[in-house]
Amino acid sequence: MGSFKSNFKEITDYLNKSTDTISVYNPSKNFKKHTYVISTISKEKFAGLKSDTWIKKGATFNQTNAFNVKFSLRPTMSWQIWWKIAVSQAELLGTIEID
């Protein structure tokens, strides 16, 4: 996001045009056996952001869309975008277990 030079309209437009996303995460805190879940998240879940509703909180700018996906822009980290979405909104593709 750093290439947008803190232009919230360009950042928001880019995010609203997201494609489907593959996510890999470890839902378990059991470190004896690592389970990784592979899911897809439809692009609609990342849409509906508005360039004028980013809320500054500390060093981040935050916004939540109609799907309750929480977005966080982090200018001190080269404008990285972090998002948090409920597992129930993702489509499970598979699971990998590593002992």
C-alpha atoms as a PDB file:
ATOM      1  CA  MET A   1       0.000   0.000   0.000  1.00  0.00           C
ATOM      2  CA  GLY A   2       3.025   2.261   0.306  1.00  0.00           C
ATOM      3  CA  SER A   3       2.896   3.043  -3.416  1.00  0.00           C
ATOM      4  CA  PHE A   4      -0.360   4.950  -2.818  1.00  0.00           C
ATOM      5  CA  LYS A   5       1.517   7.471  -0.644  1.00  0.00           C
ATOM      6  CA  SER A   6      -1.188   7.654   2.070  1.00  0.00           C
ATOM      7  CA  ASN A   7      -3.954   8.449  -0.433  1.00  0.00           C
ATOM      8  CA  PHE A   8      -6.971   6.892   1.304  1.00  0.00           C
ATOM      9  CA  LYS A   9      -9.147   7.045  -1.822  1.00  0.00           C
ATOM     10  CA  GLU A  10      -6.628   5.046  -3.880  1.00  0.00           C
ATOM     11  CA  ILE A  11      -6.016   2.582  -1.043  1.00  0.00           C
ATOM     12  CA  THR A  12      -9.755   2.051  -0.521  1.00  0.00           C
ATOM     13  CA  ASP A  13     -10.451   1.663  -4.248  1.00  0.00           C
ATOM     14  CA  TYR A  14      -7.681  -0.932  -4.486  1.00  0.00           C
ATOM     15  CA  LEU A  15      -9.029  -2.901  -1.505  1.00  0.00           C
ATOM     16  CA  ASN A  16     -12.589  -2.794  -2.853  1.00  0.00           C
ATOM     17  CA  LYS A  17     -11.319  -4.433  -6.060  1.00  0.00           C
ATOM     18  CA  SER A  18      -9.708  -7.357  -4.225  1.00  0.00           C
ATOM     19  CA  THR A  19      -9.842 -10.826  -5.718  1.00  0.00           C
ATOM     20  CA  ASP A  20     -10.741 -14.042  -3.922  1.00  0.00           C
ATOM     21  CA  THR A  21      -8.114 -14.751  -1.296  1.00  0.00           C
ATOM     22  CA  ILE A  22      -6.511 -17.989  -0.141  1.00  0.00           C
ATOM     23  CA  SER A  23      -5.778 -18.040   3.577  1.00  0.00           C
ATOM     24  CA  VAL A  24      -3.665 -20.514   5.539  1.00  0.00           C
ATOM     25  CA  TYR A  25      -3.846 -20.400   9.308  1.00  0.00           C
ATOM     26  CA  ASN A  26      -3.250 -22.538  12.374  1.00  0.00           C
ATOM     27  CA  PRO A  27      -6.484 -22.641  14.416  1.00  0.00           C
ATOM     28  CA  SER A  28      -4.976 -24.711  17.225  1.00  0.00           C
ATOM     29  CA  LYS A  29      -2.787 -23.668  20.112  1.00  0.00           C
ATOM     30  CA  ASN A  30      -1.685 -27.288  20.599  1.00  0.00           C
ATOM     31  CA  PHE A  31       1.991 -27.176  19.658  1.00  0.00           C
ATOM     32  CA  LYS A  32       2.475 -30.944  19.703  1.00  0.00           C
ATOM     33  CA  LYS A  33       0.589 -31.271  16.441  1.00  0.00           C
ATOM     34  CA  HIS A  34       0.316 -28.379  14.020  1.00  0.00           C
ATOM     35  CA  THR A  35      -2.874 -28.194  12.002  1.00  0.00           C
ATOM     36  CA  TYR A  36      -3.068 -25.738   9.125  1.00  0.00           C
ATOM     37  CA  VAL A  37      -6.397 -24.920   7.547  1.00  0.00           C
ATOM     38  CA  ILE A  38      -6.560 -23.762   3.940  1.00  0.00           C
ATOM     39  CA  SER A  39      -9.591 -21.637   3.106  1.00  0.00           C
ATOM     40  CA  THR A  40     -10.796 -19.315   0.408  1.00  0.00           C
ATOM     41  CA  ILE A  41     -12.441 -15.997   1.152  1.00  0.00           C
ATOM     42  CA  SER A  42     -14.661 -14.514  -1.549  1.00  0.00           C
ATOM     43  CA  LYS A  43     -13.746 -11.069  -2.813  1.00  0.00           C
ATOM     44  CA  GLU A  44     -17.108  -9.684  -1.698  1.00  0.00           C
ATOM     45  CA  LYS A  45     -15.981 -10.060   1.925  1.00  0.00           C
ATOM     46  CA  PHE A  46     -13.255  -7.457   1.288  1.00  0.00           C
ATOM     47  CA  ALA A  47     -15.499  -4.877  -0.393  1.00  0.00           C
ATOM     48  CA  GLY A  48     -17.688  -2.053   0.855  1.00  0.00           C
ATOM     49  CA  LEU A  49     -14.971   0.147   2.305  1.00  0.00           C
ATOM     50  CA  LYS A  50     -15.284   3.935   2.172  1.00  0.00           C
ATOM     51  CA  SER A  51     -12.308   6.235   1.797  1.00  0.00           C
ATOM     52  CA  ASP A  52     -13.680   8.801   4.248  1.00  0.00           C
ATOM     53  CA  THR A  53     -14.444   6.449   7.157  1.00  0.00           C
ATOM     54  CA  TRP A  54     -10.978   5.281   8.195  1.00  0.00           C
ATOM     55  CA  ILE A  55     -10.648   5.907  11.936  1.00  0.00           C
ATOM     56  CA  LYS A  56      -7.234   6.713  13.374  1.00  0.00           C
ATOM     57  CA  LYS A  57      -6.399   4.708  16.478  1.00  0.00           C
ATOM     58  CA  GLY A  58      -2.840   5.043  17.714  1.00  0.00           C
ATOM     59  CA  ALA A  59      -0.525   4.341  14.789  1.00  0.00           C
ATOM     60  CA  THR A  60      -3.217   2.635  12.667  1.00  0.00           C
ATOM     61  CA  PHE A  61      -6.274   3.520  10.612  1.00  0.00           C
ATOM     62  CA  ASN A  62      -9.204   1.135  11.044  1.00  0.00           C
ATOM     63  CA  GLN A  63     -12.474   0.340   9.334  1.00  0.00           C
ATOM     64  CA  THR A  64     -15.047  -2.460   9.499  1.00  0.00           C
ATOM     65  CA  ASN A  65     -17.199  -3.326   6.471  1.00  0.00           C
ATOM     66  CA  ALA A  66     -20.762  -4.699   6.255  1.00  0.00           C
ATOM     67  CA  PHE A  67     -19.434  -8.284   6.541  1.00  0.00           C
ATOM     68  CA  ASN A  68     -17.814  -7.356   9.864  1.00  0.00           C
ATOM     69  CA  VAL A  69     -14.333  -7.761   8.379  1.00  0.00           C
ATOM     70  CA  LYS A  70     -11.954  -5.545  10.328  1.00  0.00           C
ATOM     71  CA  PHE A  71      -9.275  -3.748   8.318  1.00  0.00           C
ATOM     72  CA  SER A  72      -6.229  -2.023   9.742  1.00  0.00           C
ATOM     73  CA  LEU A  73      -3.831   0.164   7.738  1.00  0.00           C
ATOM     74  CA  ARG A  74      -0.379   0.401   9.303  1.00  0.00           C
ATOM     75  CA  PRO A  75       1.591   3.394   7.988  1.00  0.00           C
ATOM     76  CA  THR A  76       4.631   2.648  10.178  1.00  0.00           C
ATOM     77  CA  MET A  77       4.899  -0.733   8.465  1.00  0.00           C
ATOM     78  CA  SER A  78       4.987   0.565   4.862  1.00  0.00           C
ATOM     79  CA  TRP A  79       1.192   0.892   4.852  1.00  0.00           C
ATOM     80  CA  GLN A  80       0.563  -2.812   5.324  1.00  0.00           C
ATOM     81  CA  ILE A  81      -3.082  -3.828   5.393  1.00  0.00           C
ATOM     82  CA  TRP A  82      -4.112  -6.308   8.061  1.00  0.00           C
ATOM     83  CA  TRP A  83      -7.557  -7.836   8.168  1.00  0.00           C
ATOM     84  CA  LYS A  84      -9.470 -10.015  10.567  1.00  0.00           C
ATOM     85  CA  ILE A  85     -12.402 -12.129   9.426  1.00  0.00           C
ATOM     86  CA  ALA A  86     -14.567 -14.706  11.178  1.00  0.00           C
ATOM     87  CA  VAL A  87     -13.683 -18.279  10.219  1.00  0.00           C
ATOM     88  CA  SER A  88     -17.356 -18.859   9.428  1.00  0.00           C
ATOM     89  CA  GLN A  89     -17.027 -16.471   6.467  1.00  0.00           C
ATOM     90  CA  ALA A  90     -14.338 -18.572   4.790  1.00  0.00           C
ATOM     91  CA  GLU A  91     -14.824 -21.710   2.715  1.00  0.00           C
ATOM     92  CA  LEU A  92     -12.725 -24.621   3.940  1.00  0.00           C
ATOM     93  CA  LEU A  93     -10.595 -26.178   1.183  1.00  0.00           C
ATOM     94  CA  GLY A  94      -8.517 -28.596   3.217  1.00  0.00           C
ATOM     95  CA  THR A  95      -6.411 -29.326   6.263  1.00  0.00           C
ATOM     96  CA  ILE A  96      -2.747 -30.221   6.662  1.00  0.00           C
ATOM     97  CA  GLU A  97      -1.432 -31.810   9.855  1.00  0.00           C
ATOM     98  CA  ILE A  98       2.246 -31.826  10.776  1.00  0.00           C
ATOM     99  CA  ASP A  99       3.512 -33.729  13.809  1.00  0.00           C
END
